[in-house]
Structure formats: C-alpha cells, structure tokens
Amino acid sequence: MELTKDSAIEFPCDFPIKAMGLSTDPIENIFTNIARKHFPHMKSFNIKRQESSGGNYISITIIMEALNREQLDNVYRDLSAHKKIMMTL
C-alpha cells in the first residue's frame, strides 16, 4: 500500500465517487465513460443510482479501485469539466 504525503488515503483502495445531474441527461453513461478512461484496469463497475424525490435529478455513485491519487484527481477533473455533470462528491 502507498500512503501519499498529501493524503491519509492508502492506495490501492476502493473509493466511492458520486456525480449528479438532471435525470433527463445520460449521467450514468457520461460517468461510466469517464470512469473507463481513468480506471481501465476495472472490468466492471458497482453502480448505485438515486433519483431525487421529485424525479428531476439523479445521483450516480461508483466504487472505484483507485491505484493512486492522480487517478482520483483526473476523474474528478473530467467529471467537473463536463457540462452535464452538476456536482461531484
């Protein structure tokens, strides 16, 4: 395991990443395409979907097997830059 100087996270680790957007947008497809780009070693993703009470928004959470901090930074950067992704956690 690798413990980085800037983080208390030990790598590799399972790390949940959440993206939110309008339920009418293909948020899950956008998220999984970005995830595949940054986590090519993962063959499948554990995906959790949650719609808002009014059905207007959706959140998608994927548990990523992060190998290093750079992977996490890059996936967050790409998700945040996408115009259909309203928020990431």
N, C-alpha and C. Protein backbone atom coordinates (compact mmCIF):
# COMPACT_ATOMS: atom_id res chain seq x y z
N MET A 1 0.83 -1.19 0.00
CA MET A 1 0.00 0.00 0.00
C MET A 1 0.87 1.24 0.00
N GLU A 2 0.37 2.25 -0.66
CA GLU A 2 1.10 3.50 -0.77
C GLU A 2 0.34 4.58 0.00
N LEU A 3 0.99 5.22 0.95
CA LEU A 3 0.41 6.33 1.69
C LEU A 3 1.08 7.59 1.17
N THR A 4 0.31 8.47 0.55
CA THR A 4 0.90 9.68 -0.02
C THR A 4 1.13 10.72 1.07
N LYS A 5 2.05 11.62 0.79
CA LYS A 5 2.36 12.69 1.74
C LYS A 5 1.20 13.66 1.92
N ASP A 6 0.44 13.88 0.83
CA ASP A 6 -0.63 14.87 0.84
C ASP A 6 -1.98 14.30 1.27
N SER A 7 -2.04 13.02 1.57
CA SER A 7 -3.33 12.40 1.83
C SER A 7 -3.21 11.29 2.86
N ALA A 8 -4.28 11.08 3.58
CA ALA A 8 -4.33 9.97 4.53
C ALA A 8 -4.89 8.72 3.88
N ILE A 9 -5.14 8.78 2.59
CA ILE A 9 -5.68 7.63 1.85
C ILE A 9 -4.54 6.68 1.50
N GLU A 10 -4.75 5.40 1.78
CA GLU A 10 -3.78 4.38 1.41
C GLU A 10 -4.21 3.76 0.09
N PHE A 11 -3.29 3.70 -0.86
CA PHE A 11 -3.58 3.13 -2.18
C PHE A 11 -2.89 1.79 -2.33
N PRO A 12 -3.49 0.88 -3.07
CA PRO A 12 -4.80 0.97 -3.72
C PRO A 12 -5.93 0.89 -2.70
N CYS A 13 -7.08 1.43 -3.08
CA CYS A 13 -8.25 1.40 -2.20
C CYS A 13 -9.53 1.50 -3.01
N ASP A 14 -10.62 1.04 -2.42
CA ASP A 14 -11.94 1.25 -3.02
C ASP A 14 -12.41 2.63 -2.59
N PHE A 15 -12.81 3.44 -3.56
CA PHE A 15 -13.15 4.83 -3.28
C PHE A 15 -14.45 5.18 -3.99
N PRO A 16 -15.49 5.60 -3.24
CA PRO A 16 -16.75 5.96 -3.88
C PRO A 16 -16.69 7.37 -4.48
N ILE A 17 -17.16 7.49 -5.70
CA ILE A 17 -17.25 8.78 -6.37
C ILE A 17 -18.69 8.97 -6.80
N LYS A 18 -19.24 10.15 -6.53
CA LYS A 18 -20.63 10.44 -6.86
C LYS A 18 -20.69 11.60 -7.84
N ALA A 19 -21.56 11.46 -8.84
CA ALA A 19 -21.82 12.54 -9.80
C ALA A 19 -23.32 12.77 -9.86
N MET A 20 -23.73 14.03 -9.98
CA MET A 20 -25.15 14.37 -10.01
C MET A 20 -25.47 15.24 -11.20
N GLY A 21 -26.68 15.07 -11.70
CA GLY A 21 -27.14 15.87 -12.83
C GLY A 21 -28.64 15.73 -13.01
N LEU A 22 -29.14 16.30 -14.09
CA LEU A 22 -30.56 16.19 -14.39
C LEU A 22 -30.90 14.76 -14.77
N SER A 23 -32.06 14.29 -14.33
CA SER A 23 -32.45 12.91 -14.63
C SER A 23 -32.72 12.70 -16.12
N THR A 24 -32.94 13.78 -16.86
CA THR A 24 -33.18 13.67 -18.30
C THR A 24 -31.88 13.54 -19.10
N ASP A 25 -30.75 13.77 -18.46
CA ASP A 25 -29.45 13.65 -19.13
C ASP A 25 -28.87 12.26 -18.89
N PRO A 26 -28.02 11.79 -19.80
CA PRO A 26 -27.43 10.44 -19.67
C PRO A 26 -26.25 10.41 -18.68
N ILE A 27 -26.51 10.80 -17.44
CA ILE A 27 -25.45 10.95 -16.44
C ILE A 27 -24.69 9.64 -16.23
N GLU A 28 -25.40 8.52 -16.16
CA GLU A 28 -24.73 7.24 -15.93
C GLU A 28 -23.76 6.91 -17.07
N ASN A 29 -24.18 7.12 -18.32
CA ASN A 29 -23.29 6.85 -19.45
C ASN A 29 -22.08 7.78 -19.45
N ILE A 30 -22.31 9.05 -19.18
CA ILE A 30 -21.21 10.01 -19.12
C ILE A 30 -20.21 9.59 -18.05
N PHE A 31 -20.72 9.26 -16.87
CA PHE A 31 -19.88 8.89 -15.74
C PHE A 31 -19.09 7.61 -16.04
N THR A 32 -19.76 6.59 -16.55
CA THR A 32 -19.04 5.33 -16.81
C THR A 32 -18.00 5.49 -17.92
N ASN A 33 -18.27 6.32 -18.92
CA ASN A 33 -17.26 6.56 -19.96
C ASN A 33 -16.03 7.24 -19.40
N ILE A 34 -16.23 8.23 -18.53
CA ILE A 34 -15.10 8.90 -17.90
C ILE A 34 -14.38 7.94 -16.96
N ALA A 35 -15.13 7.13 -16.23
CA ALA A 35 -14.52 6.16 -15.31
C ALA A 35 -13.66 5.15 -16.07
N ARG A 36 -14.16 4.66 -17.20
CA ARG A 36 -13.38 3.69 -18.01
C ARG A 36 -12.06 4.29 -18.49
N LYS A 37 -12.09 5.57 -18.81
CA LYS A 37 -10.87 6.25 -19.27
C LYS A 37 -9.80 6.26 -18.19
N HIS A 38 -10.19 6.50 -16.95
CA HIS A 38 -9.23 6.65 -15.86
C HIS A 38 -8.99 5.39 -15.04
N PHE A 39 -9.88 4.41 -15.18
CA PHE A 39 -9.76 3.15 -14.44
C PHE A 39 -9.85 1.97 -15.40
N PRO A 40 -8.94 1.90 -16.38
CA PRO A 40 -9.02 0.84 -17.39
C PRO A 40 -8.81 -0.56 -16.82
N HIS A 41 -8.22 -0.64 -15.64
CA HIS A 41 -7.99 -1.95 -15.02
C HIS A 41 -9.27 -2.56 -14.46
N MET A 42 -10.32 -1.76 -14.33
CA MET A 42 -11.59 -2.27 -13.80
C MET A 42 -12.44 -2.80 -14.95
N LYS A 43 -12.86 -4.05 -14.83
CA LYS A 43 -13.66 -4.68 -15.89
C LYS A 43 -15.14 -4.36 -15.76
N SER A 44 -15.60 -4.09 -14.55
CA SER A 44 -17.00 -3.72 -14.33
C SER A 44 -17.06 -2.75 -13.16
N PHE A 45 -18.19 -2.08 -13.05
CA PHE A 45 -18.37 -1.08 -12.00
C PHE A 45 -19.58 -1.42 -11.14
N ASN A 46 -19.46 -1.19 -9.85
CA ASN A 46 -20.57 -1.30 -8.92
C ASN A 46 -21.25 0.07 -8.91
N ILE A 47 -22.43 0.15 -9.51
CA ILE A 47 -23.11 1.42 -9.70
C ILE A 47 -24.37 1.50 -8.83
N LYS A 48 -24.51 2.63 -8.13
CA LYS A 48 -25.71 2.89 -7.33
C LYS A 48 -26.39 4.14 -7.90
N ARG A 49 -27.68 4.04 -8.18
CA ARG A 49 -28.45 5.15 -8.72
C ARG A 49 -29.46 5.63 -7.68
N GLN A 50 -29.63 6.94 -7.60
CA GLN A 50 -30.61 7.50 -6.66
C GLN A 50 -31.26 8.71 -7.32
N GLU A 51 -32.57 8.64 -7.51
CA GLU A 51 -33.31 9.78 -8.05
C GLU A 51 -33.76 10.68 -6.91
N SER A 52 -33.88 11.97 -7.21
CA SER A 52 -34.40 12.91 -6.21
C SER A 52 -35.88 12.62 -5.99
N SER A 53 -36.42 13.14 -4.91
CA SER A 53 -37.82 12.87 -4.57
C SER A 53 -38.77 13.38 -5.66
N GLY A 54 -38.41 14.44 -6.33
CA GLY A 54 -39.24 14.98 -7.40
C GLY A 54 -38.96 14.37 -8.76
N GLY A 55 -37.91 13.54 -8.83
CA GLY A 55 -37.55 12.89 -10.08
C GLY A 55 -36.81 13.77 -11.08
N ASN A 56 -36.43 14.97 -10.66
CA ASN A 56 -35.74 15.89 -11.58
C ASN A 56 -34.24 15.65 -11.68
N TYR A 57 -33.66 15.09 -10.64
CA TYR A 57 -32.21 14.91 -10.57
C TYR A 57 -31.89 13.44 -10.29
N ILE A 58 -30.66 13.07 -10.63
CA ILE A 58 -30.19 11.72 -10.35
C ILE A 58 -28.76 11.80 -9.86
N SER A 59 -28.43 10.94 -8.92
CA SER A 59 -27.03 10.81 -8.49
C SER A 59 -26.58 9.40 -8.81
N ILE A 60 -25.38 9.30 -9.28
CA ILE A 60 -24.76 8.02 -9.61
C ILE A 60 -23.50 7.91 -8.75
N THR A 61 -23.37 6.81 -8.03
CA THR A 61 -22.18 6.54 -7.24
C THR A 61 -21.52 5.28 -7.79
N ILE A 62 -20.22 5.38 -8.04
CA ILE A 62 -19.44 4.23 -8.49
C ILE A 62 -18.29 4.04 -7.51
N ILE A 63 -18.10 2.80 -7.08
CA ILE A 63 -16.96 2.46 -6.23
C ILE A 63 -15.78 2.16 -7.15
N MET A 64 -14.75 2.97 -7.07
CA MET A 64 -13.57 2.83 -7.92
C MET A 64 -12.44 2.15 -7.15
N GLU A 65 -11.70 1.32 -7.82
CA GLU A 65 -10.48 0.76 -7.24
C GLU A 65 -9.34 1.69 -7.64
N ALA A 66 -9.08 2.67 -6.79
CA ALA A 66 -8.08 3.70 -7.09
C ALA A 66 -6.69 3.17 -6.79
N LEU A 67 -5.81 3.31 -7.76
CA LEU A 67 -4.43 2.86 -7.60
C LEU A 67 -3.53 3.96 -7.05
N ASN A 68 -3.92 5.23 -7.29
CA ASN A 68 -3.12 6.35 -6.80
C ASN A 68 -3.96 7.63 -6.78
N ARG A 69 -3.42 8.66 -6.18
CA ARG A 69 -4.11 9.94 -6.04
C ARG A 69 -4.35 10.60 -7.40
N GLU A 70 -3.40 10.44 -8.30
CA GLU A 70 -3.51 11.05 -9.63
C GLU A 70 -4.77 10.55 -10.36
N GLN A 71 -5.07 9.26 -10.23
CA GLN A 71 -6.28 8.71 -10.84
C GLN A 71 -7.52 9.43 -10.32
N LEU A 72 -7.61 9.59 -9.02
CA LEU A 72 -8.77 10.26 -8.43
C LEU A 72 -8.86 11.71 -8.88
N ASP A 73 -7.74 12.41 -8.85
CA ASP A 73 -7.73 13.81 -9.29
C ASP A 73 -8.19 13.94 -10.73
N ASN A 74 -7.72 13.05 -11.59
CA ASN A 74 -8.06 13.13 -13.01
C ASN A 74 -9.53 12.83 -13.28
N VAL A 75 -10.08 11.83 -12.60
CA VAL A 75 -11.50 11.52 -12.82
C VAL A 75 -12.38 12.66 -12.30
N TYR A 76 -12.04 13.23 -11.15
CA TYR A 76 -12.80 14.38 -10.63
C TYR A 76 -12.69 15.58 -11.57
N ARG A 77 -11.52 15.80 -12.12
CA ARG A 77 -11.32 16.92 -13.05
C ARG A 77 -12.21 16.76 -14.28
N ASP A 78 -12.23 15.57 -14.87
CA ASP A 78 -13.04 15.34 -16.07
C ASP A 78 -14.53 15.40 -15.77
N LEU A 79 -14.94 14.83 -14.64
CA LEU A 79 -16.36 14.90 -14.27
C LEU A 79 -16.80 16.34 -14.05
N SER A 80 -16.00 17.11 -13.33
CA SER A 80 -16.34 18.50 -13.03
C SER A 80 -16.36 19.37 -14.28
N ALA A 81 -15.57 19.02 -15.28
CA ALA A 81 -15.50 19.80 -16.51
C ALA A 81 -16.66 19.50 -17.46
N HIS A 82 -17.34 18.38 -17.27
CA HIS A 82 -18.41 18.01 -18.19
C HIS A 82 -19.64 18.88 -17.93
N LYS A 83 -20.22 19.44 -18.98
CA LYS A 83 -21.33 20.38 -18.83
C LYS A 83 -22.61 19.75 -18.29
N LYS A 84 -22.77 18.44 -18.42
CA LYS A 84 -23.99 17.77 -17.93
C LYS A 84 -23.87 17.33 -16.47
N ILE A 85 -22.66 17.30 -15.93
CA ILE A 85 -22.45 16.93 -14.53
C ILE A 85 -22.57 18.20 -13.69
N MET A 86 -23.55 18.22 -12.80
CA MET A 86 -23.80 19.42 -11.99
C MET A 86 -22.94 19.48 -10.74
N MET A 87 -22.61 18.29 -10.18
CA MET A 87 -21.84 18.26 -8.94
C MET A 87 -21.16 16.90 -8.80
N THR A 88 -20.00 16.91 -8.16
CA THR A 88 -19.31 15.66 -7.84
C THR A 88 -18.95 15.65 -6.36
N LEU A 89 -18.93 14.47 -5.80
CA LEU A 89 -18.53 14.29 -4.40
C LEU A 89 -17.60 13.11 -4.33
